Protein backbone atom coordinates (compact mmCIF):
# COMPACT_ATOMS: atom_id res chain seq x y z
CA MET A 1 -221.86 32.73 15.86
CA THR A 2 -221.00 30.76 19.03
CA LEU A 3 -218.66 33.54 20.16
CA MET A 4 -221.34 36.11 19.32
CA LEU A 5 -223.90 34.24 21.42
CA ILE A 6 -221.49 34.00 24.37
CA ILE A 7 -220.90 37.78 24.31
CA LEU A 8 -224.64 38.43 23.95
CA VAL A 9 -225.53 36.20 26.92
CA ILE A 10 -222.80 37.72 29.11
CA THR A 11 -223.96 41.23 28.15
CA ILE A 12 -227.61 40.48 29.05
CA ALA A 13 -226.45 38.83 32.30
CA LEU A 14 -224.43 41.93 33.24
CA PHE A 15 -227.44 44.16 32.50
CA VAL A 16 -229.62 42.01 34.71
CA TRP A 17 -227.01 41.83 37.50
CA GLY A 18 -226.94 45.60 37.66
CA LYS A 19 -223.61 45.96 39.47
CA TYR A 20 -222.11 47.99 36.66
CA SER A 21 -223.58 51.03 34.92
CA PRO A 22 -225.45 50.11 31.67
CA ASP A 23 -223.20 52.33 29.56
CA VAL A 24 -220.08 50.56 30.94
CA VAL A 25 -221.58 47.13 30.18
CA ALA A 26 -222.42 48.29 26.63
CA LEU A 27 -218.93 49.67 26.07
CA VAL A 28 -217.25 46.48 27.28
CA SER A 29 -219.53 44.48 25.03
CA MET A 30 -218.66 46.73 22.06
CA LEU A 31 -214.92 46.35 22.70
CA SER A 32 -215.29 42.58 23.03
CA LEU A 33 -216.83 42.39 19.61
CA PHE A 34 -213.86 44.24 18.15
CA LEU A 35 -211.15 42.35 20.08
CA CYS A 36 -212.71 39.02 19.15
CA GLY A 37 -212.57 39.99 15.48
CA ILE A 38 -216.35 39.96 14.97
CA LEU A 39 -216.48 43.65 13.97
CA ASN A 40 -213.94 45.91 12.29
CA LEU A 41 -213.14 49.41 13.56
CA SER A 42 -215.73 51.31 11.54
CA GLU A 43 -218.47 48.84 12.51
CA THR A 44 -217.38 48.97 16.17
CA LEU A 45 -217.73 52.76 16.30
CA SER A 46 -220.72 53.02 13.94
CA GLY A 47 -223.12 53.71 16.82
CA PHE A 48 -221.50 57.03 17.69
CA SER A 49 -222.36 58.48 14.31
CA ASN A 50 -225.79 56.92 14.12
CA PRO A 51 -228.67 59.43 13.54
CA THR A 52 -230.66 57.80 16.34
CA VAL A 53 -228.01 58.62 18.95
CA ILE A 54 -227.68 62.23 17.72
CA MET A 55 -231.45 62.71 17.80
CA ILE A 56 -231.80 61.34 21.31
CA ALA A 57 -229.02 63.61 22.63
CA ALA A 58 -230.72 66.65 21.03
CA LEU A 59 -234.07 65.67 22.55
CA PHE A 60 -232.54 65.86 26.04
CA ILE A 61 -231.59 69.46 25.37
CA ILE A 62 -235.07 70.33 24.03
CA GLY A 63 -236.68 68.68 27.06
CA GLU A 64 -234.33 70.64 29.37
CA GLY A 65 -235.42 73.84 27.61
CA LEU A 66 -239.05 73.14 28.46
CA SER A 67 -238.09 72.36 32.04
CA GLN A 68 -235.78 75.38 32.52
CA THR A 69 -238.33 77.83 31.17
CA GLY A 70 -241.23 76.76 33.39
CA TRP A 71 -243.41 74.62 31.10
CA THR A 72 -243.01 71.30 32.88
CA ALA A 73 -243.48 72.86 36.33
CA LEU A 74 -246.60 74.73 35.11
CA ALA A 75 -248.02 71.57 33.54
CA GLY A 76 -247.42 69.56 36.70
CA LYS A 77 -249.08 72.12 38.98
CA LYS A 78 -252.07 72.64 36.70
CA LEU A 79 -252.67 68.89 36.63
CA ILE A 80 -252.65 68.78 40.44
CA GLU A 81 -255.01 71.77 40.66
CA LEU A 82 -257.50 70.04 38.36
CA ALA A 83 -257.63 67.03 40.66
CA GLY A 84 -258.90 68.99 43.63
CA LYS A 85 -259.47 66.81 46.69
CA SER A 86 -260.61 63.64 44.91
CA VAL A 87 -258.23 60.66 45.09
CA PRO A 88 -259.73 58.83 42.06
CA LYS A 89 -259.70 62.08 40.08
CA LEU A 90 -256.11 62.77 41.06
CA LEU A 91 -255.15 59.21 40.02
CA VAL A 92 -256.71 59.62 36.57
CA ILE A 93 -255.47 63.15 35.92
CA ILE A 94 -251.92 62.50 37.07
CA THR A 95 -251.70 59.30 35.00
CA LEU A 96 -253.11 61.08 31.94
CA GLY A 97 -250.86 64.07 32.56
CA SER A 98 -247.71 61.99 32.87
CA GLY A 99 -248.66 60.14 29.70
CA VAL A 100 -249.30 63.24 27.59
CA LEU A 101 -246.27 65.07 28.95
CA SER A 102 -243.94 62.11 28.31
CA GLY A 103 -244.99 62.19 24.65
CA PHE A 104 -242.92 65.35 24.29
CA VAL A 105 -240.55 65.32 27.28
CA SER A 106 -238.39 62.37 28.35
CA ASN A 107 -240.05 59.80 30.62
CA THR A 108 -237.49 60.51 33.28
CA GLY A 109 -237.99 64.27 33.00
CA THR A 110 -241.77 63.79 33.22
CA VAL A 111 -241.58 61.80 36.43
CA ALA A 112 -238.96 64.15 37.93
CA THR A 113 -241.27 67.08 37.21
CA LEU A 114 -244.47 65.54 38.56
CA LEU A 115 -242.99 63.68 41.51
CA PRO A 116 -242.87 66.51 44.07
CA ALA A 117 -246.29 67.87 43.13
CA THR A 118 -247.82 64.40 43.12
CA ILE A 119 -246.45 63.52 46.60
CA SER A 120 -247.56 66.90 47.98
CA SER A 121 -251.02 66.51 46.51
CA ALA A 122 -251.39 62.98 47.85
CA TRP A 123 -250.58 64.21 51.33
CA SER A 124 -252.95 67.19 51.02
CA ILE A 125 -256.00 65.07 50.07
CA GLY A 126 -255.43 62.50 52.73
CA THR A 127 -253.89 59.56 50.91
CA MET A 128 -250.43 58.04 50.78
CA PRO A 129 -248.11 58.68 47.82
CA SER A 130 -247.88 54.90 47.28
CA LYS A 131 -251.48 55.01 45.98
CA ILE A 132 -250.45 57.42 43.16
CA LEU A 133 -246.80 57.04 42.21
CA ILE A 134 -246.74 53.75 40.30
CA PRO A 135 -249.44 55.07 37.95
CA VAL A 136 -247.24 58.13 37.30
CA ALA A 137 -244.29 55.87 36.31
CA PHE A 138 -246.45 53.50 34.21
CA GLY A 139 -248.29 56.45 32.65
CA SER A 140 -245.04 58.08 31.58
CA ASN A 141 -243.80 54.75 30.07
CA THR A 142 -247.06 54.37 28.16
CA GLY A 143 -247.22 58.03 27.09
CA GLY A 144 -243.88 57.69 25.34
CA LEU A 145 -245.78 55.70 22.69
CA LEU A 146 -247.84 58.74 21.66
CA THR A 147 -245.16 60.29 19.42
CA LEU A 148 -242.14 59.27 17.39
CA THR A 149 -239.79 61.02 19.82
CA GLY A 150 -241.59 60.02 22.99
CA THR A 151 -239.18 57.26 23.92
CA PRO A 152 -235.91 55.94 22.42
CA PRO A 153 -237.36 52.54 21.34
CA ASN A 154 -239.70 54.41 18.96
CA ILE A 155 -236.78 56.17 17.34
CA ILE A 156 -234.75 52.95 17.16
CA ALA A 157 -237.65 51.08 15.51
CA ASN A 158 -238.22 53.92 13.05
CA ASN A 159 -234.55 54.06 12.12
CA ALA A 160 -234.46 50.26 11.60
CA LEU A 161 -237.44 50.54 9.29
CA ILE A 162 -235.75 53.29 7.20
CA GLU A 163 -232.47 51.34 7.02
CA ALA A 164 -234.43 48.32 5.76
CA GLY A 165 -235.53 50.42 2.75
CA PHE A 166 -239.05 51.33 3.94
CA GLU A 167 -240.66 54.70 4.59
CA GLY A 168 -240.38 55.66 8.26
CA PHE A 169 -243.23 56.16 10.65
CA SER A 170 -244.84 59.62 10.85
CA PHE A 171 -244.52 61.67 14.03
CA PHE A 172 -247.95 60.85 15.48
CA GLU A 173 -248.32 57.39 13.94
CA PHE A 174 -247.26 55.67 17.17
CA GLY A 175 -250.23 57.43 18.82
CA LEU A 176 -252.61 55.14 16.88
CA ILE A 177 -251.69 52.39 19.32
CA GLY A 178 -250.24 54.54 22.10
CA LEU A 179 -253.51 56.44 22.77
CA PRO A 180 -255.68 53.29 23.16
CA LEU A 181 -253.02 51.81 25.50
CA LEU A 182 -252.97 54.98 27.58
CA ILE A 183 -256.78 54.92 27.80
CA ILE A 184 -256.66 51.32 28.93
CA ALA A 185 -254.09 52.22 31.58
CA LEU A 186 -256.35 55.03 32.81
CA ILE A 187 -259.39 52.73 33.07
CA TYR A 188 -257.32 49.99 34.68
CA PHE A 189 -255.93 52.22 37.45
CA ARG A 190 -259.27 53.96 38.04
CA TYR A 191 -261.37 50.84 38.53
CA PHE A 192 -259.03 47.98 39.31
CA GLY A 193 -255.34 48.82 39.65
CA PHE A 194 -256.09 51.32 42.44
CA LYS A 195 -257.22 48.47 44.67
CA LEU A 196 -253.93 46.65 44.13
CA LEU A 197 -251.74 49.64 45.01
CA PRO A 198 -250.33 49.40 48.57
CA THR A 199 -250.90 51.97 51.29
CA ASN A 200 -247.34 52.41 52.52
CA LYS A 201 -246.81 54.98 55.30
CA THR A 202 -244.02 57.36 54.47
CA ASN A 203 -242.74 60.67 55.82
CA ASN A 204 -241.71 62.28 52.54
CA LYS A 205 -243.58 65.53 52.16
CA PRO A 206 -241.65 67.18 49.29
CA ILE A 207 -239.58 70.29 49.58
CA ASN A 208 -240.43 72.80 46.93
CA ILE A 209 -240.07 76.51 46.45
CA ASP A 210 -243.12 77.43 48.52
CA SER A 211 -242.26 75.22 51.50
CA THR A 212 -238.60 76.28 51.32
CA LEU A 213 -239.54 79.95 51.37
CA HIS A 214 -241.80 79.38 54.34
CA GLU A 215 -238.86 77.82 56.25
CA TRP A 216 -236.64 80.78 55.36
CA ILE A 217 -239.26 83.27 56.53
CA GLU A 218 -239.54 81.49 59.89
CA ALA A 219 -235.82 81.04 60.40
CA TYR A 220 -234.60 84.44 59.21
CA GLN A 221 -237.68 86.56 60.06
CA ILE A 222 -237.50 87.92 56.55
CA ASP A 223 -241.02 89.30 56.63
CA ASN A 224 -240.04 91.91 59.26
CA HIS A 225 -237.60 93.81 57.06
CA TYR A 226 -239.02 93.97 53.54
CA TYR A 227 -241.27 96.74 52.18
CA ARG A 228 -242.57 97.97 48.84
CA LEU A 229 -242.52 101.74 48.36
CA ARG A 230 -244.04 103.83 45.58
CA ILE A 231 -242.34 106.93 44.21
CA ARG A 232 -244.97 109.69 44.20
CA SER A 233 -245.10 112.63 41.83
CA ILE A 234 -243.93 114.97 44.67
CA SER A 235 -241.05 112.74 45.75
CA THR A 236 -237.58 114.28 45.64
CA LEU A 237 -236.31 110.92 44.32
CA LEU A 238 -238.21 111.52 41.07
CA ASN A 239 -235.98 111.58 37.98
CA THR A 240 -232.80 111.12 40.01
CA LYS A 241 -230.29 108.29 40.22
CA LEU A 242 -229.68 106.00 43.18
CA SER A 243 -226.08 107.26 43.31
CA ASP A 244 -227.39 110.74 44.11
CA TRP A 245 -228.64 109.65 47.51
CA ASP A 246 -226.33 106.88 48.84
CA LEU A 247 -229.38 105.23 50.52
CA GLU A 248 -227.31 102.26 51.69
CA ASN A 249 -224.87 104.22 53.85
CA LYS A 250 -226.94 107.25 54.87
CA TYR A 251 -230.26 105.53 55.53
CA HIS A 252 -229.19 101.86 55.97
CA ILE A 253 -231.59 100.88 53.21
CA ASN A 254 -230.92 98.31 50.50
CA VAL A 255 -232.89 98.58 47.22
CA ILE A 256 -233.50 94.99 46.18
CA ARG A 257 -235.70 95.34 43.10
CA LEU A 258 -237.45 98.02 41.06
CA LYS A 259 -240.68 97.70 39.12
CA ARG A 260 -241.69 100.18 36.44
CA ARG A 261 -245.37 101.01 36.67
CA HIS A 262 -245.48 102.38 33.15
CA PRO A 263 -242.73 100.61 31.14
CA ASN A 264 -244.51 101.05 27.82
CA ARG A 265 -244.37 104.85 27.89
CA LEU A 266 -240.67 104.78 27.01
CA LYS A 267 -239.59 102.51 24.21
CA GLY A 268 -237.21 99.78 25.30
CA THR A 269 -237.89 100.23 28.99
CA GLN A 270 -237.89 96.93 30.95
CA PRO A 271 -240.78 96.33 33.38
CA TYR A 272 -238.34 95.14 36.07
CA ILE A 273 -234.85 96.02 37.14
CA GLU A 274 -233.82 93.01 39.19
CA PHE A 275 -230.63 94.51 40.51
CA PRO A 276 -230.81 98.34 40.72
CA GLN A 277 -227.36 99.93 40.33
CA ASN A 278 -226.06 103.41 41.18
CA GLU A 279 -226.90 104.66 37.69
CA THR A 280 -230.50 103.40 37.87
CA GLU A 281 -232.91 106.29 37.34
CA LEU A 282 -236.02 106.58 39.53
CA ARG A 283 -239.27 107.50 37.80
CA TYR A 284 -242.82 108.36 38.63
CA HIS A 285 -244.85 105.48 40.06
CA ASP A 286 -241.87 103.20 40.25
CA ILE A 287 -242.23 100.55 42.97
CA ILE A 288 -239.05 99.71 44.85
CA THR A 289 -238.65 96.66 47.06
CA VAL A 290 -236.35 97.65 49.94
CA LYS A 291 -234.84 96.02 53.00
CA GLY A 292 -234.32 97.87 56.25
CA ASN A 293 -235.42 98.38 59.81
CA THR A 294 -238.89 99.85 60.39
CA GLU A 295 -237.48 103.11 61.81
CA ASP A 296 -235.21 103.59 58.80
CA ILE A 297 -238.07 102.86 56.44
CA ASN A 298 -240.35 105.40 58.19
CA LYS A 299 -237.57 108.01 58.01
CA LEU A 300 -237.08 107.32 54.29
CA MET A 301 -240.80 107.60 53.53
CA ILE A 302 -241.19 110.90 55.33
CA GLU A 303 -238.07 112.52 53.91
CA PHE A 304 -238.72 111.48 50.31
CA ASN A 305 -242.53 111.49 50.24
CA LEU A 306 -242.86 107.78 49.40
CA GLY A 307 -246.02 105.75 49.54
CA LEU A 308 -246.16 102.43 51.36
CA LEU A 309 -247.93 99.69 49.42
CA THR A 310 -250.09 97.09 51.07
CA LYS A 311 -247.81 94.31 52.19
CA GLU A 312 -248.46 90.87 50.81
CA SER A 313 -247.79 87.83 52.92
CA ALA A 314 -244.07 87.30 53.09
CA LYS A 315 -244.43 84.01 51.26
CA SER A 316 -246.30 85.60 48.35
CA GLU A 317 -243.96 88.60 48.33
CA LEU A 318 -240.89 86.45 47.96
CA ARG A 319 -242.55 84.04 45.49
CA ASN A 320 -244.01 86.70 43.24
CA ASN A 321 -241.48 89.50 43.45
CA LEU A 322 -238.09 88.10 44.27
CA ILE A 323 -237.99 84.79 42.34
CA SER A 324 -238.40 84.34 38.60
CA GLN A 325 -236.96 82.34 35.73
CA GLU A 326 -233.97 84.70 35.65
CA VAL A 327 -233.44 85.37 39.35
CA GLY A 328 -233.52 82.99 42.30
CA MET A 329 -232.77 82.66 45.97
CA ALA A 330 -230.69 80.18 47.97
CA GLU A 331 -229.40 79.49 51.47
CA VAL A 332 -225.63 79.25 51.97
CA LEU A 333 -223.47 78.24 54.92
CA VAL A 334 -219.93 79.21 55.92
CA SER A 335 -217.72 76.11 55.94
CA PRO A 336 -215.35 75.50 58.95
CA LYS A 337 -212.21 75.86 56.76
CA SER A 338 -213.40 79.04 55.01
CA PHE A 339 -210.92 81.96 54.90
CA LEU A 340 -213.96 84.05 55.94
CA VAL A 341 -213.98 82.56 59.43
CA GLY A 342 -212.71 85.04 62.01
CA ARG A 343 -212.74 88.00 59.63
CA LYS A 344 -214.77 91.08 60.44
CA MET A 345 -216.44 92.20 57.25
CA LYS A 346 -219.57 93.26 55.43
CA LEU A 347 -220.71 90.01 53.81
CA LYS A 348 -222.82 91.86 51.25
CA GLU A 349 -219.60 93.19 49.71
CA TYR A 350 -218.31 89.64 49.39
CA PHE A 351 -221.48 88.47 47.57
CA LYS A 352 -221.44 91.52 45.30
CA ARG A 353 -218.41 90.01 43.58
CA TYR A 354 -220.79 87.48 42.11
CA ASP A 355 -223.58 90.04 41.39
CA ILE A 356 -225.56 88.53 44.27
CA GLN A 357 -227.54 90.32 46.98
CA LEU A 358 -227.38 89.37 50.66
CA LEU A 359 -230.94 89.35 51.95
CA ALA A 360 -230.67 87.89 55.48
CA THR A 361 -228.17 86.50 57.95
CA SER A 362 -228.54 83.93 60.74
CA ARG A 363 -226.23 82.75 63.54
CA ASN A 364 -227.08 79.90 65.89
CA ARG A 365 -230.55 79.72 64.31
CA GLU A 366 -231.27 83.34 65.26
CA PRO A 367 -231.51 86.26 62.79
CA TYR A 368 -228.39 88.47 62.80
CA LEU A 369 -229.27 92.06 62.04
CA GLU A 370 -225.91 93.88 62.15
CA GLU A 371 -224.52 95.12 58.86
CA GLU A 372 -220.94 94.15 59.82
CA MET A 373 -220.03 90.88 61.53
CA ARG A 374 -217.11 88.72 62.52
CA VAL A 375 -217.79 85.54 60.56
CA ASN A 376 -218.11 82.25 62.36
CA ALA A 377 -218.23 78.76 60.88
CA GLY A 378 -221.86 77.75 60.45
CA ASP A 379 -223.20 81.27 59.83
CA SER A 380 -225.91 81.07 57.20
CA PHE A 381 -227.30 83.54 54.69
CA ILE A 382 -230.15 83.99 52.30
CA ILE A 383 -228.95 85.32 48.97
CA ARG A 384 -230.63 86.48 45.77
CA GLY A 385 -229.14 86.64 42.28
CA PRO A 386 -229.23 85.17 38.79
CA TRP A 387 -229.58 81.41 38.93
CA GLU A 388 -226.28 80.91 37.07
CA ASN A 389 -224.44 83.15 39.53
CA ILE A 390 -225.81 81.11 42.46
CA GLU A 391 -224.57 77.99 40.68
CA LYS A 392 -221.12 79.55 40.39
CA LEU A 393 -220.95 79.85 44.17
CA LYS A 394 -220.62 76.09 44.28
CA ASP A 395 -217.11 76.58 42.99
CA GLN A 396 -216.38 78.32 46.29
CA HIS A 397 -217.25 75.21 48.32
CA LYS A 398 -214.08 75.66 50.43
CA ASN A 399 -215.52 78.96 51.72
CA ILE A 400 -219.28 78.65 51.57
CA VAL A 401 -221.69 75.80 50.85
CA VAL A 402 -224.86 76.28 48.76
CA VAL A 403 -227.62 74.31 50.50
CA GLY A 404 -229.79 72.14 48.25
CA SER A 405 -229.85 72.40 44.48
CA PRO A 406 -230.59 75.83 42.93
CA GLU A 407 -230.81 74.11 39.50
CA GLU A 408 -233.66 71.89 40.69
CA MET A 409 -235.27 74.76 42.51
CA LEU A 410 -235.35 76.72 39.22
CA LYS A 411 -237.30 73.90 37.59
CA ASP A 412 -240.04 74.43 40.15
CA VAL A 413 -240.60 78.02 38.98
CA ASP A 414 -243.77 78.00 36.88
CA GLU A 415 -243.52 81.56 35.62
CA LEU A 416 -243.51 81.89 31.84
CA THR A 417 -241.19 84.33 30.14
CA PRO A 418 -240.38 85.12 26.48
CA LYS A 419 -237.81 82.30 26.60
CA SER A 420 -240.61 79.91 27.57
CA TYR A 421 -242.35 80.53 24.29
CA ILE A 422 -239.08 80.22 22.38
CA ALA A 423 -238.58 76.77 23.93
CA LEU A 424 -242.14 75.76 23.09
CA GLY A 425 -241.74 77.12 19.57
CA ALA A 426 -238.58 75.07 19.12
CA LEU A 427 -240.48 71.92 20.07
CA ILE A 428 -243.35 72.78 17.72
CA LEU A 429 -240.88 73.52 14.91
CA MET A 430 -239.29 70.08 15.37
CA ILE A 431 -242.69 68.41 15.28
CA VAL A 432 -243.65 70.26 12.09
CA LEU A 433 -240.35 69.33 10.43
CA LEU A 434 -240.88 65.72 11.36
CA VAL A 435 -244.52 65.65 10.26
CA VAL A 436 -243.82 67.15 6.84
CA LYS A 437 -240.54 65.21 6.60
CA ALA A 438 -238.71 68.32 5.44
CA VAL A 439 -235.43 67.10 6.90
CA PRO A 440 -234.22 63.90 8.57
CA GLY A 441 -235.32 63.49 12.20
CA SER A 442 -231.86 63.97 13.64
CA ILE A 443 -231.44 67.24 11.75
CA ALA A 444 -234.89 68.48 12.89
CA ALA A 445 -233.94 67.73 16.51
CA LEU A 446 -230.54 69.45 16.14
CA ILE A 447 -232.19 72.57 14.67
CA SER A 448 -234.60 72.80 17.58
CA ALA A 449 -231.88 72.08 20.13
CA GLY A 450 -229.75 74.83 18.52
CA ILE A 451 -232.64 77.32 18.93
CA VAL A 452 -233.00 76.35 22.59
CA LEU A 453 -229.28 76.86 23.18
CA PHE A 454 -228.64 80.05 21.21
CA SER A 455 -231.76 81.72 22.65
CA GLY A 456 -230.49 81.07 26.16
CA CYS A 457 -233.35 78.78 27.17
CA VAL A 458 -230.63 76.40 28.28
CA PRO A 459 -227.20 77.96 28.98
CA PHE A 460 -224.38 76.40 27.02
CA THR A 461 -222.73 75.55 30.35
CA LYS A 462 -225.72 73.34 31.20
CA ALA A 463 -226.22 71.81 27.76
CA TYR A 464 -223.98 68.81 28.35
CA LYS A 465 -225.29 68.38 31.88
CA SER A 466 -228.83 68.06 30.53
CA ILE A 467 -227.90 65.09 28.35
CA SER A 468 -228.10 61.69 29.99
CA PHE A 469 -224.82 60.39 28.65
CA THR A 470 -225.43 57.05 30.36
CA SER A 471 -228.36 56.49 27.99
CA VAL A 472 -226.71 58.04 24.94
CA VAL A 473 -223.43 56.14 25.33
CA MET A 474 -225.28 52.89 26.07
CA ILE A 475 -227.39 53.15 22.92
CA ALA A 476 -224.37 54.12 20.80
CA ALA A 477 -222.36 51.19 22.19
CA MET A 478 -225.24 48.70 21.74
CA ILE A 479 -225.85 49.55 18.10
CA PRO A 480 -222.71 47.59 17.06
CA MET A 481 -224.25 44.60 18.89
CA GLY A 482 -227.13 44.77 16.44
CA VAL A 483 -224.64 44.91 13.52
CA ALA A 484 -222.77 41.90 14.94
CA ILE A 485 -225.98 39.94 15.44
CA GLN A 486 -226.79 40.37 11.74
CA LYS A 487 -223.21 39.91 10.47
CA THR A 488 -222.65 36.60 12.27
CA GLY A 489 -226.03 35.16 11.31
CA THR A 490 -227.20 35.16 14.94
CA ALA A 491 -230.20 37.33 14.13
CA GLU A 492 -231.19 34.95 11.32
CA MET A 493 -230.82 31.96 13.65
CA ILE A 494 -233.02 33.54 16.38
CA SER A 495 -235.47 34.69 13.73
CA ASN A 496 -235.72 31.24 12.19
CA SER A 497 -236.11 29.68 15.64
CA LEU A 498 -239.01 32.03 16.39
CA ILE A 499 -240.68 31.24 13.10
CA SER A 500 -240.10 27.51 13.49
CA PHE A 501 -241.42 27.45 17.03
CA LEU A 502 -244.45 29.70 16.42
CA GLY A 503 -245.27 28.52 12.94
CA GLU A 504 -245.00 30.20 9.55
CA GLY A 505 -248.67 30.50 8.80
CA ASN A 506 -249.73 32.71 11.69
CA PRO A 507 -248.05 36.13 11.81
CA THR A 508 -250.21 37.15 14.76
CA LEU A 509 -248.71 34.30 16.77
CA LEU A 510 -245.26 35.51 15.76
CA LEU A 511 -246.29 38.98 16.91
CA GLY A 512 -247.23 37.56 20.33
CA GLY A 513 -243.88 35.76 20.58
CA ILE A 514 -242.00 38.97 19.76
CA PHE A 515 -243.99 40.88 22.38
CA LEU A 516 -243.32 38.27 25.12
CA LEU A 517 -239.60 38.00 24.30
CA THR A 518 -239.10 41.76 24.17
CA THR A 519 -241.09 42.51 27.31
CA THR A 520 -239.13 39.79 29.18
CA PHE A 521 -235.85 41.50 28.24
CA SER A 522 -237.27 44.93 29.17
CA GLN A 523 -238.08 43.87 32.75
CA PHE A 524 -234.35 43.58 33.44
CA ILE A 525 -232.40 45.61 30.88
CA ASN A 526 -232.78 49.10 29.50
CA ASN A 527 -235.62 49.45 26.97
CA SER A 528 -233.27 51.05 24.40
CA ALA A 529 -230.88 48.13 24.63
CA THR A 530 -233.80 45.77 24.27
CA ALA A 531 -235.01 47.56 21.15
CA VAL A 532 -231.51 47.54 19.63
CA LEU A 533 -231.27 43.77 20.19
CA MET A 534 -234.74 42.96 18.82
CA THR A 535 -235.01 45.18 15.72
CA PRO A 536 -232.59 43.22 13.49
CA ILE A 537 -234.26 39.96 14.52
CA VAL A 538 -237.77 41.13 13.55
CA ILE A 539 -236.55 42.69 10.28
CA LEU A 540 -235.15 39.31 9.23
CA ALA A 541 -238.27 37.51 10.41
CA ALA A 542 -240.45 39.82 8.31
CA GLY A 543 -238.22 39.21 5.26
CA THR A 544 -238.33 35.41 5.72
CA LEU A 545 -242.13 35.40 5.91
CA ASN A 546 -242.43 38.07 3.23
CA ILE A 547 -244.58 40.28 5.41
CA SER A 548 -244.38 43.97 6.31
CA PRO A 549 -241.90 44.74 9.12
CA GLU A 550 -244.03 47.64 10.38
CA PRO A 551 -246.32 45.65 12.70
CA LEU A 552 -243.33 43.73 14.12
CA LEU A 553 -241.32 46.90 14.78
CA ILE A 554 -244.30 48.67 16.34
CA THR A 555 -244.70 45.66 18.63
CA VAL A 556 -241.02 45.86 19.63
CA ALA A 557 -241.46 49.55 20.51
CA ILE A 558 -244.58 48.83 22.56
CA SER A 559 -243.22 45.82 24.39
CA ALA A 560 -239.89 47.50 25.13
CA SER A 561 -241.91 50.11 27.07
CA THR A 562 -243.85 47.63 29.21
CA ALA A 563 -241.39 47.14 32.06
CA PHE A 564 -244.20 46.93 34.58
CA LEU A 565 -243.10 43.92 36.56
CA THR A 566 -239.84 45.10 38.20
CA PRO A 567 -238.48 48.33 39.72
CA ILE A 568 -235.27 47.98 37.71
CA GLY A 569 -236.82 47.80 34.25
CA THR A 570 -236.88 51.55 33.73
CA THR A 571 -235.47 54.61 35.49
CA THR A 572 -239.00 55.91 36.11
CA ASN A 573 -239.92 52.74 38.05
CA ALA A 574 -236.80 53.13 40.17
CA MET A 575 -237.51 56.84 40.73
CA VAL A 576 -240.84 56.22 42.48
CA MET A 577 -239.69 53.14 44.42
CA SER A 578 -238.27 54.87 47.49
CA SER A 579 -240.85 57.73 47.46
CA GLY A 580 -243.68 55.17 47.61
CA ASP A 581 -241.72 52.71 49.78
CA TYR A 582 -242.59 50.03 47.20
CA LYS A 583 -241.40 46.41 47.32
CA PHE A 584 -240.51 44.23 44.33
CA MET A 585 -243.79 42.37 44.61
CA ASP A 586 -245.83 45.61 44.41
CA TYR A 587 -244.69 46.12 40.81
CA LEU A 588 -245.44 42.51 39.94
CA LYS A 589 -248.90 42.58 41.55
CA VAL A 590 -249.92 45.90 39.96
CA GLY A 591 -248.10 45.50 36.66
CA PHE A 592 -248.94 41.98 35.61
CA PRO A 593 -252.67 42.54 34.88
CA LEU A 594 -251.82 45.72 32.99
CA LEU A 595 -249.19 43.85 30.94
CA ILE A 596 -251.76 41.19 29.99
CA LEU A 597 -254.13 43.95 28.86
CA PHE A 598 -251.37 45.50 26.75
CA VAL A 599 -250.54 42.13 25.12
CA ILE A 600 -254.20 41.54 24.18
CA THR A 601 -254.71 45.07 22.89
CA THR A 602 -251.51 44.95 20.82
CA LEU A 603 -252.37 41.61 19.21
CA LEU A 604 -255.85 42.89 18.36
CA LEU A 605 -255.08 46.40 17.06
CA VAL A 606 -251.58 46.30 15.56
CA PRO A 607 -252.47 43.90 12.68
CA ILE A 608 -255.50 46.09 11.88
CA ILE A 609 -253.61 49.42 11.94
CA TRP A 610 -250.45 48.04 10.27
CA PRO A 611 -251.48 45.02 8.18
CA PHE A 612 -248.97 42.25 7.58
C-alpha cells in the first residue's frame, strides 16, 4: 500500500506539473505498477480492452462525422445569428448552445466549432471576446452532463456502476442534474458572472471561409474573370460534348463547374458536375461557370448563343458555387527548393495530376494572367478540388506549400449534404440503442462509428486523426491505477478515512466531501483521470455504509467536470485562454462563485433524484 501511495502521489504531481503529456505520465505510472509487482501483465494492460476506452474512441469518430458534414458549423452559425446585436443575448445563447452541443459532441470539438464564430460575433456587436469565451468553455463542460456520452467521466462512472453489479445509468439520466446545472450557469453568467468577466483588448478577429475568400478576391482579382453562362435552346453547344469544341485551347476558356437546371428529368442525373471532363455532355439550360478574359467570354457568348446570368458578388459566387462539403479551395505557394522553380510550364497541367483546378495565379502580390509562366519561388496560386486531394498536396511540401489548414476550413462549411443526414442518423441510432439498451454502450458507439466511416462521412484516412489518442491512451493507462488502488487496499483506506472524517451517519456530508476532493483534483489533472481515481473509492464507501453508489458516482461525474478555477483543468479552458487574453486569476474570480453554486445544487438535488 505504501508503494502504491508513492506511485499515486508522484503521478498526481506529474499531472499537476504539466511538463509531460498526460498520456505519457499515465503510461509511466502503469509501467511502474507492473515493474513494482503491484499488478500482473493482464491487469496492467486491462485498460486497453476496457469498453469505456473503446466507446470514447468511437465517439471521437462520430463527433468528427458531425463536424465534417457541416452540422457543427451550421449549429454554431445559427446560434450566433439568433443573438443579433445584443451582448447579454449573445452570452446566454452561446453558453446554452455550447452546453447543448457538448451533450452530443466532445467538449473540445464544441469549443473548437464555436470559437471562431463567437470571436467574430463579439467583435461585430462591439464587445471584446474576453466577455464571452469563458462562458463558452464553462458551458461546454457543464453541457457534457446532459447525456451519458457527453463527457468521459459520465462513461467511466456508468461503467464502474455496471462492474459493481448494478444497472447502468440511462442515456439521458445525467440530464436530470445536468440540465438544472446548465440553467444555473446561464442565470449566473447573465446576471452576475458577466460583471466579473474581464474586458481584455485583443486583435484576434478570426479567419474563416468568408474572410479568407474576401482576401483572395482582393489579392487575385478573382471577380474579374469568372462568369456564369446559360446554354440556350438555340445554342450549338446543345447536346454536344466538351471535347467537341476544345474551348480551353481555341477560346482560352476554362469550364470550372456545371449545374444541371433540370436534373430530375433524367434518372440518375446529378445536379452538379464539379469537374467537367471532355466527355461531359452539355444540355439545355445547363449553367456553366467559366473563367476567362472578358473579350474571350464575349466571343464565346456570341458564337455559341449563350446567355449571361446576373453576376453575384464574387464572395457569394465563390462561397455558394465553388465550395461545398465535397469540393474546396486553397492557396498554395511555390517553395524555394521546388523543382518547379525556373521551369516554363502551364501550372494547370501540373495540378491536373491531382484532379485539381488552377483558378488564379499571383506573383509579387499582383495577379498573373498569362497561361504559361516561368515559375519563381514565392509564386502563389488559388486552387479548387476535392478536399482530400488538396490535403494530398501537403505531401508535396518540397515543391509547393498549402497555406493554412484545408481540413479546418472544411469544418467551416455549413452546407448540408446527404452525408450530413447519414452522420446525424448514426448519432440518433446510437442514442436509440443506448436508450433501449439493445446492445452494450461500446457496441452501440462502434456500430454508429462504422456507419460514419463506411458511408464516407469521415474518410478512413482521417479516422485515426480524428481520435484524440492523448485522451484515449491516458484513460486506458489510468484504468490499471484504479485496479491497483483496489487490489492494494488503498481505495478502502481512503474510503474509510473519508467516512471516519465526515461521519457515518450523514451520507450528504460524505457527498460533499467527495465533491470537494474530486473537484480539487480536476482543477489540475484531466477529468477522466480524476474520475478513474475516484470511482473505486466511492464504490467502496457506498458498500461500507450500505448505501446506493448511484448518488456518489453521479457526484464524481459532476465534480470531475467543474474545473472552473484554473486554465489547465480542461482542454476547453486552455483553448479560450489566449483568444480571450485571460490570466490565471480570471478563471478563479469567475469560476469560484459558479463552483459554489454547483456544490449547493448537487447536494440538494442528487439525494432527491438518486436516493441513498
